[in-house]
């Protein structure tokens, strides 16, 4: 839409230039006629047509407006962006590692939704959800925990992981979650990257998981816990507290930030003070919506495994278009959603990052 607006603006500028040239030509012709008749005895009668205004010349210029972009008949349920076809395929949800040895990751820039949540010990882990775009490389893939299973079950997703805690596997079995576990039987749908050391080098792709879902005869029809979006071409002015930059201090070594790029209305993700980019393509990771959900966390054992509340309700922030608003959050219809005065907040069409952080975390913004 921005590109179309720029093109129309350039056309108007060109028409004004042509109009100015036209006026100059008319004036030059009039002057020539006057001087060519000087010195003659007969009465000089010059019929100079009225000089048209710039606006008249613009109106008379042949219109070549760019036609409106056709509105697509469907939208992608997890991004709100237009689609030519109705989306019925189940999303895929990957456990993606975020330890130092796993950075930069592959494929996060193509995910519709990414959750970042503390895992065992002092690390965070990504839960990357794909539906509207395919990704040839996703990872490194790691193990799953019960609260990640809750997210995957709520989304009715194909869950992709490598290993599990016993509580997580118990929940997978109880909820009959369609999943792929590289450690126990599904190695055919993964590969190792020899440029990195194990266990930080395990990868998969959307094509492999789609293939595996057919072989395993997983249900193809999706139960569609779709989100609520503004219409793609009718996004209102969002008002709140200015938030051109955000800092989310999970724990030492996992400081996350975002900076707002007003030229494309997106937030650029920052990791440890540097732009967070894709390993293979060097693409900048961006977000159109950032949800920060303050949540109950509890350490369960000596290994640092946690219980994390991803159901709610709780308090938090939603950040869109350079503005931050206070919200309550809650998992409804299978998805964490933001609410203001009990009304669900519409998302800006595009990518959404959801940060589940411990209660009392000091998120900074300005």
Protein backbone atom coordinates (compact mmCIF):
# COMPACT_ATOMS: atom_id res chain seq x y z
CA UNK A 1 0.00 0.00 0.00
CA UNK A 2 2.89 2.34 0.83
CA UNK A 3 4.48 1.66 -2.55
CA UNK A 4 1.19 2.40 -4.32
CA UNK A 5 0.82 5.70 -2.46
CA UNK A 6 4.34 6.74 -3.42
CA UNK A 7 3.66 5.97 -7.10
CA UNK A 8 0.48 8.06 -7.10
CA UNK A 9 2.34 10.94 -5.45
CA UNK A 10 5.04 10.81 -8.11
CA UNK A 11 2.41 10.92 -10.86
CA UNK A 12 0.84 14.03 -9.38
CA UNK A 13 4.27 15.68 -9.23
CA UNK A 14 4.91 14.82 -12.89
CA UNK A 15 1.54 16.25 -13.91
CA UNK A 16 2.29 19.52 -12.13
CA UNK A 17 5.63 19.71 -13.93
CA UNK A 18 3.87 19.18 -17.29
CA UNK A 19 1.25 21.80 -16.39
CA UNK A 20 3.98 24.32 -15.57
CA UNK A 21 5.69 23.64 -18.88
CA UNK A 22 2.36 24.06 -20.68
CA UNK A 23 1.73 27.48 -19.10
CA UNK A 24 5.26 28.62 -20.01
CA UNK A 25 4.76 27.59 -23.65
CA UNK A 26 1.47 29.51 -23.91
CA UNK A 27 3.10 32.66 -22.49
CA UNK A 28 6.06 32.42 -24.88
CA UNK A 29 3.66 32.12 -27.88
CA UNK A 30 1.75 35.20 -26.73
CA UNK A 31 4.95 37.26 -26.42
CA UNK A 32 6.10 36.22 -29.91
CA UNK A 33 2.78 37.29 -31.43
CA UNK A 34 2.93 40.70 -29.71
CA UNK A 35 6.49 41.48 -30.82
CA UNK A 36 5.90 40.30 -34.40
CA UNK A 37 3.13 42.94 -34.79
CA UNK A 38 4.96 45.90 -33.30
CA UNK A 39 5.36 48.85 -35.75
CA UNK A 40 2.39 47.96 -37.93
CA UNK A 41 -0.22 50.71 -38.59
CA UNK A 42 -3.27 48.53 -38.34
CA UNK A 43 -4.87 48.05 -35.03
CA UNK A 44 -3.33 45.16 -33.29
CA UNK A 45 -5.86 42.62 -32.18
CA UNK A 46 -4.53 39.57 -30.46
CA UNK A 47 -6.82 36.80 -29.37
CA UNK A 48 -4.77 35.01 -26.76
CA UNK A 49 -6.67 32.17 -25.19
CA UNK A 50 -6.97 32.29 -21.40
CA UNK A 51 -4.07 30.65 -19.67
CA UNK A 52 -5.32 27.49 -17.97
CA UNK A 53 -4.61 26.96 -14.32
CA UNK A 54 -2.39 24.18 -13.06
CA UNK A 55 -5.45 22.39 -11.70
CA UNK A 56 -7.22 22.56 -15.10
CA UNK A 57 -4.21 21.18 -16.90
CA UNK A 58 -3.95 18.36 -14.36
CA UNK A 59 -7.64 17.52 -14.85
CA UNK A 60 -7.18 17.47 -18.63
CA UNK A 61 -4.17 15.21 -18.39
CA UNK A 62 -4.99 11.66 -19.35
CA UNK A 63 -5.60 9.75 -16.13
CA UNK A 64 -3.37 6.76 -15.56
CA UNK A 65 -4.15 6.01 -11.92
CA UNK A 66 -2.90 2.74 -10.59
CA UNK A 67 -5.90 0.47 -10.06
CA UNK A 68 -6.78 -0.46 -6.50
CA UNK A 69 -5.17 -3.65 -5.27
CA UNK A 70 -7.84 -6.34 -5.25
CA UNK A 71 -9.01 -7.41 -1.81
CA UNK A 72 -8.21 -11.07 -1.34
CA UNK A 73 -11.17 -13.26 -0.43
CA UNK A 74 -9.55 -14.92 2.60
CA UNK A 75 -6.98 -14.18 5.30
CA UNK A 76 -4.31 -16.25 6.97
CA UNK A 77 -5.79 -17.01 10.41
CA UNK A 78 -2.55 -16.42 12.33
CA UNK A 79 -1.34 -13.28 10.51
CA UNK A 80 -4.47 -11.54 9.23
CA UNK A 81 -2.80 -11.00 5.84
CA UNK A 82 -4.73 -11.64 2.64
CA UNK A 83 -4.85 -15.06 1.04
CA UNK A 84 -6.16 -16.24 -2.33
CA UNK A 85 -7.30 -19.53 -0.85
CA UNK A 86 -9.03 -20.60 2.35
CA UNK A 87 -6.52 -21.92 4.87
CA UNK A 88 -7.42 -25.31 6.30
CA UNK A 89 -4.02 -26.86 7.00
CA UNK A 90 -2.88 -27.38 10.57
CA UNK A 91 -0.05 -25.10 11.74
CA UNK A 92 3.30 -26.57 12.76
CA UNK A 93 4.94 -25.66 16.06
CA UNK A 94 8.69 -26.11 16.58
CA UNK A 95 10.72 -26.00 19.78
CA UNK A 96 13.69 -23.80 18.83
CA UNK A 97 16.77 -23.44 21.00
CA UNK A 98 18.12 -20.10 22.18
CA UNK A 99 21.35 -20.98 23.94
CA UNK A 100 24.49 -19.14 22.86
CA UNK A 101 25.69 -22.14 20.82
CA UNK A 102 22.44 -22.12 18.84
CA UNK A 103 22.56 -18.48 17.71
CA UNK A 104 21.73 -17.20 15.21
CA UNK A 105 18.79 -19.48 14.54
CA UNK A 106 17.22 -20.44 11.22
CA UNK A 107 13.66 -19.85 10.09
CA UNK A 108 12.29 -17.67 12.88
CA UNK A 109 11.74 -14.81 10.43
CA UNK A 110 9.19 -16.94 8.54
CA UNK A 111 7.07 -17.91 11.55
CA UNK A 112 3.60 -16.41 11.93
CA UNK A 113 3.85 -16.38 15.73
CA UNK A 114 6.85 -16.82 18.02
CA UNK A 115 6.64 -17.32 21.79
CA UNK A 116 9.68 -16.78 23.98
CA UNK A 117 9.50 -18.44 27.39
CA UNK A 118 11.96 -19.51 30.07
CA UNK A 119 12.87 -23.19 30.01
CA UNK A 120 14.89 -25.21 32.53
CA UNK A 121 17.97 -23.62 34.01
CA UNK A 122 18.70 -20.03 33.02
CA UNK A 123 17.72 -20.10 29.35
CA UNK A 124 14.80 -19.11 27.16
CA UNK A 125 13.31 -21.17 24.36
CA UNK A 126 11.32 -20.21 21.28
CA UNK A 127 8.04 -21.76 20.20
CA UNK A 128 7.79 -20.95 16.49
CA UNK A 129 4.44 -21.45 14.72
CA UNK A 130 4.23 -21.78 10.91
CA UNK A 131 1.18 -21.75 8.66
CA UNK A 132 1.22 -18.95 6.09
CA UNK A 133 4.81 -19.49 4.89
CA UNK A 134 7.00 -22.50 4.27
CA UNK A 135 10.50 -22.68 5.76
CA UNK A 136 13.30 -24.81 4.35
CA UNK A 137 15.40 -24.69 7.54
CA UNK A 138 14.09 -24.38 11.11
CA UNK A 139 16.16 -24.79 14.24
CA UNK A 140 18.09 -25.82 16.14
CA UNK A 141 15.25 -27.99 17.47
CA UNK A 142 15.23 -28.99 21.14
CA UNK A 143 13.07 -30.65 23.79
CA UNK A 144 9.57 -29.89 25.01
CA UNK A 145 8.05 -29.00 28.38
CA UNK A 146 4.43 -29.20 29.64
CA UNK A 147 3.58 -25.52 29.06
CA UNK A 148 4.84 -25.79 25.50
CA UNK A 149 2.54 -28.79 25.04
CA UNK A 150 -0.36 -26.64 26.30
CA UNK A 151 0.40 -24.04 23.60
CA UNK A 152 0.61 -26.67 20.85
CA UNK A 153 -2.57 -28.40 21.95
CA UNK A 154 -4.43 -25.07 22.09
CA UNK A 155 -3.34 -24.24 18.55
CA UNK A 156 -4.20 -27.75 17.31
CA UNK A 157 -0.71 -27.77 15.82
CA UNK A 158 1.67 -30.47 14.66
CA UNK A 159 4.28 -30.28 17.43
CA UNK A 160 7.95 -30.72 16.51
CA UNK A 161 10.58 -31.43 19.21
CA UNK A 162 13.60 -33.51 20.17
CA UNK A 163 13.12 -35.10 23.58
CA UNK A 164 10.85 -34.22 26.47
CA UNK A 165 10.39 -34.13 30.21
CA UNK A 166 8.26 -36.92 31.62
CA UNK A 167 5.48 -34.49 32.54
CA UNK A 168 5.49 -33.17 28.99
CA UNK A 169 5.19 -36.64 27.49
CA UNK A 170 2.42 -37.55 29.89
CA UNK A 171 0.51 -34.50 28.70
CA UNK A 172 1.16 -35.30 25.02
CA UNK A 173 -0.31 -38.77 25.53
CA UNK A 174 -3.26 -37.55 27.60
CA UNK A 175 -4.20 -34.81 25.13
CA UNK A 176 -3.42 -36.97 22.08
CA UNK A 177 -1.17 -34.29 20.62
CA UNK A 178 0.06 -34.95 17.07
CA UNK A 179 3.83 -34.69 17.45
CA UNK A 180 7.23 -35.56 16.01
CA UNK A 181 10.04 -36.54 18.38
CA UNK A 182 13.48 -36.87 16.80
CA UNK A 183 14.91 -38.69 19.81
CA UNK A 184 12.28 -41.43 19.84
CA UNK A 185 11.38 -42.64 16.37
CA UNK A 186 11.04 -39.64 14.05
CA UNK A 187 14.64 -39.00 13.00
CA UNK A 188 13.66 -39.22 9.31
CA UNK A 189 12.12 -35.75 9.57
CA UNK A 190 15.27 -34.03 10.85
CA UNK A 191 18.92 -33.60 9.93
CA UNK A 192 22.17 -32.55 11.60
CA UNK A 193 24.24 -29.57 10.48
CA UNK A 194 27.90 -30.60 10.71
CA UNK A 195 29.03 -26.98 11.03
CA UNK A 196 27.73 -26.97 14.61
CA UNK A 197 28.25 -29.31 17.53
CA UNK A 198 25.58 -31.58 18.97
CA UNK A 199 23.02 -31.03 20.42
CA UNK A 200 22.87 -27.54 18.93
CA UNK A 201 22.72 -28.64 15.29
CA UNK A 202 19.38 -30.38 14.78
CA UNK A 203 17.10 -28.95 12.07
CA UNK A 204 13.82 -29.66 10.31
CA UNK A 205 11.58 -28.00 7.72
CA UNK A 206 7.90 -27.46 7.05
CA UNK A 207 8.04 -29.76 4.00
CA UNK A 208 9.44 -32.67 6.03
CA UNK A 209 6.78 -32.29 8.71
CA UNK A 210 3.98 -32.08 6.14
CA UNK A 211 5.34 -35.26 4.58
CA UNK A 212 5.53 -36.92 7.99
CA UNK A 213 1.98 -35.91 8.86
CA UNK A 214 0.71 -37.73 5.76
CA UNK A 215 2.73 -40.85 6.54
CA UNK A 216 1.54 -40.86 10.16
CA UNK A 217 -2.04 -40.21 8.98
CA UNK A 218 -2.48 -37.26 11.31
CA UNK A 219 -5.73 -35.39 10.88
CA UNK A 220 -5.36 -32.71 8.19
CA UNK A 221 -8.43 -30.59 8.99
CA UNK A 222 -7.65 -27.73 11.35
CA UNK A 223 -9.94 -26.64 14.20
CA UNK A 224 -8.99 -22.99 13.49
CA UNK A 225 -8.40 -21.00 16.71
CA UNK A 226 -8.01 -17.87 14.57
CA UNK A 227 -7.08 -14.48 15.97
CA UNK A 228 -8.74 -11.06 15.67
CA UNK A 229 -7.12 -8.56 13.29
CA UNK A 230 -7.68 -5.08 11.98
CA UNK A 231 -8.59 -5.09 8.27
CA UNK A 232 -5.29 -5.02 6.38
CA UNK A 233 -6.00 -1.69 4.64
CA UNK A 234 -7.96 -0.03 7.45
CA UNK A 235 -5.62 0.05 10.41
CA UNK A 236 -6.58 2.97 12.68
CA UNK A 237 -4.21 5.31 14.49
CA UNK A 238 -3.26 3.45 17.67
CA UNK A 239 -2.83 5.61 20.77
CA UNK A 240 -1.04 4.68 23.96
CA UNK A 241 2.31 5.35 25.58
CA UNK A 242 5.23 6.03 23.23
CA UNK A 243 7.29 2.88 22.78
CA UNK A 244 9.97 3.39 20.15
CA UNK A 245 12.25 1.02 22.04
CA UNK A 246 11.53 -1.85 24.44
CA UNK A 247 13.79 -3.88 26.69
CA UNK A 248 12.75 -7.26 28.15
CA UNK A 249 15.35 -8.48 30.67
CA UNK A 250 14.56 -12.18 31.02
CA UNK A 251 17.82 -13.12 32.72
CA UNK A 252 21.52 -12.43 32.19
CA UNK A 253 22.54 -13.45 28.70
CA UNK A 254 18.99 -13.29 27.39
CA UNK A 255 18.25 -9.57 27.27
CA UNK A 256 15.76 -8.90 24.49
CA UNK A 257 14.95 -5.58 22.85
CA UNK A 258 12.96 -4.05 20.02
CA UNK A 259 13.30 -0.79 18.14
CA UNK A 260 10.48 0.69 16.09
CA UNK A 261 11.08 1.39 12.41
CA UNK A 262 8.42 3.95 11.46
CA UNK A 263 9.26 3.61 7.75
CA UNK A 264 7.67 0.17 7.61
CA UNK A 265 5.69 0.17 10.88
CA UNK A 266 7.60 -2.82 12.24
CA UNK A 267 9.71 -3.57 15.28
CA UNK A 268 13.24 -4.88 14.74
CA UNK A 269 14.22 -7.51 17.27
CA UNK A 270 17.47 -7.08 19.20
CA UNK A 271 19.34 -9.80 21.10
CA UNK A 272 22.05 -8.78 23.57
CA UNK A 273 22.26 -5.31 22.04
CA UNK A 274 22.64 -6.48 18.44
CA UNK A 275 20.12 -6.90 15.64
CA UNK A 276 18.72 -10.43 15.67
CA UNK A 277 18.97 -11.90 12.17
CA UNK A 278 18.43 -15.22 10.43
CA UNK A 279 21.51 -17.43 10.13
CA UNK A 280 21.10 -18.52 6.50
CA UNK A 281 19.61 -15.39 4.93
CA UNK A 282 20.72 -12.63 7.32
CA UNK A 283 17.09 -11.42 7.31
CA UNK A 284 16.19 -9.12 10.20
CA UNK A 285 13.63 -10.59 12.62
CA UNK A 286 10.65 -8.25 12.94
CA UNK A 287 7.31 -8.04 14.73
CA UNK A 288 4.09 -6.22 13.92
CA UNK A 289 2.64 -7.04 17.35
CA UNK A 290 4.47 -7.64 20.62
CA UNK A 291 2.56 -9.07 23.56
CA UNK A 292 4.24 -9.19 26.96
CA UNK A 293 2.43 -11.46 29.41
CA UNK A 294 3.44 -11.32 33.08
CA UNK A 295 2.98 -14.86 34.33
CA UNK A 296 3.41 -17.08 37.39
CA UNK A 297 6.65 -19.08 37.27
CA UNK A 298 7.75 -21.80 39.69
CA UNK A 299 11.00 -23.79 39.76
CA UNK A 300 10.19 -27.48 40.24
CA UNK A 301 13.50 -29.31 40.72
CA UNK A 302 17.27 -29.09 40.99
CA UNK A 303 17.59 -29.10 37.20
CA UNK A 304 15.69 -25.81 37.15
CA UNK A 305 12.60 -27.13 35.37
CA UNK A 306 9.69 -24.76 35.73
CA UNK A 307 5.95 -24.61 35.84
CA UNK A 308 4.88 -21.61 33.74
CA UNK A 309 1.34 -20.30 33.52
CA UNK A 310 0.38 -19.87 29.86
CA UNK A 311 -3.37 -19.92 30.55
CA UNK A 312 -3.85 -16.80 32.67
CA UNK A 313 -5.51 -14.46 33.22
CA UNK A 314 -2.76 -11.99 33.94
CA UNK A 315 -1.56 -8.47 33.23
CA UNK A 316 0.70 -7.33 30.46
CA UNK A 317 1.37 -5.00 27.54
CA UNK A 318 0.58 -4.93 23.85
CA UNK A 319 2.91 -2.92 21.62
CA UNK A 320 1.92 -1.88 18.10
CA UNK A 321 2.86 0.95 15.72
CA UNK A 322 5.17 2.65 18.23
CA UNK A 323 2.58 2.62 21.02
CA UNK A 324 2.26 0.57 24.22
CA UNK A 325 -1.01 -0.20 25.99
CA UNK A 326 -1.76 -1.98 29.25
CA UNK A 327 -3.75 -5.17 28.83
CA UNK A 328 -4.96 -8.27 30.53
CA UNK A 329 -4.08 -11.52 28.77
CA UNK A 330 -5.68 -14.92 28.77
CA UNK A 331 -5.64 -18.10 26.71
CA UNK A 332 -9.02 -18.34 25.00
CA UNK A 333 -10.02 -20.56 22.10
CA UNK A 334 -6.56 -22.08 22.14
CA UNK A 335 -4.49 -18.89 21.93
CA UNK A 336 -3.05 -16.21 24.22
CA UNK A 337 -5.07 -13.06 23.53
CA UNK A 338 -4.90 -9.44 24.73
CA UNK A 339 -7.88 -7.64 26.25
CA UNK A 340 -8.65 -4.04 27.20
CA UNK A 341 -11.82 -3.49 29.25
CA UNK A 342 -12.81 -7.11 28.54
CA UNK A 343 -12.70 -6.51 24.78
CA UNK A 344 -10.20 -8.42 22.68
CA UNK A 345 -7.53 -6.17 21.16
CA UNK A 346 -7.23 -6.45 17.41
CA UNK A 347 -3.82 -7.33 16.07
CA UNK A 348 -2.05 -5.52 13.25
CA UNK A 349 -1.85 -7.92 10.28
CA UNK A 350 1.59 -9.50 10.23
CA UNK A 351 3.88 -11.30 12.66
CA UNK A 352 3.31 -11.54 16.40
CA UNK A 353 5.89 -12.17 19.12
CA UNK A 354 4.60 -13.19 22.56
CA UNK A 355 6.91 -12.91 25.56
CA UNK A 356 5.83 -14.80 28.67
CA UNK A 357 7.87 -13.30 31.53
CA UNK A 358 7.91 -13.86 35.31
CA UNK A 359 5.78 -11.63 37.50
CA UNK A 360 7.75 -8.56 38.59
CA UNK A 361 9.94 -8.43 35.49
CA UNK A 362 11.00 -4.83 34.79
CA UNK A 363 10.15 -4.24 31.16
CA UNK A 364 11.41 -0.83 30.02
CA UNK A 365 10.11 1.28 27.15
CA UNK A 366 10.44 4.80 25.82
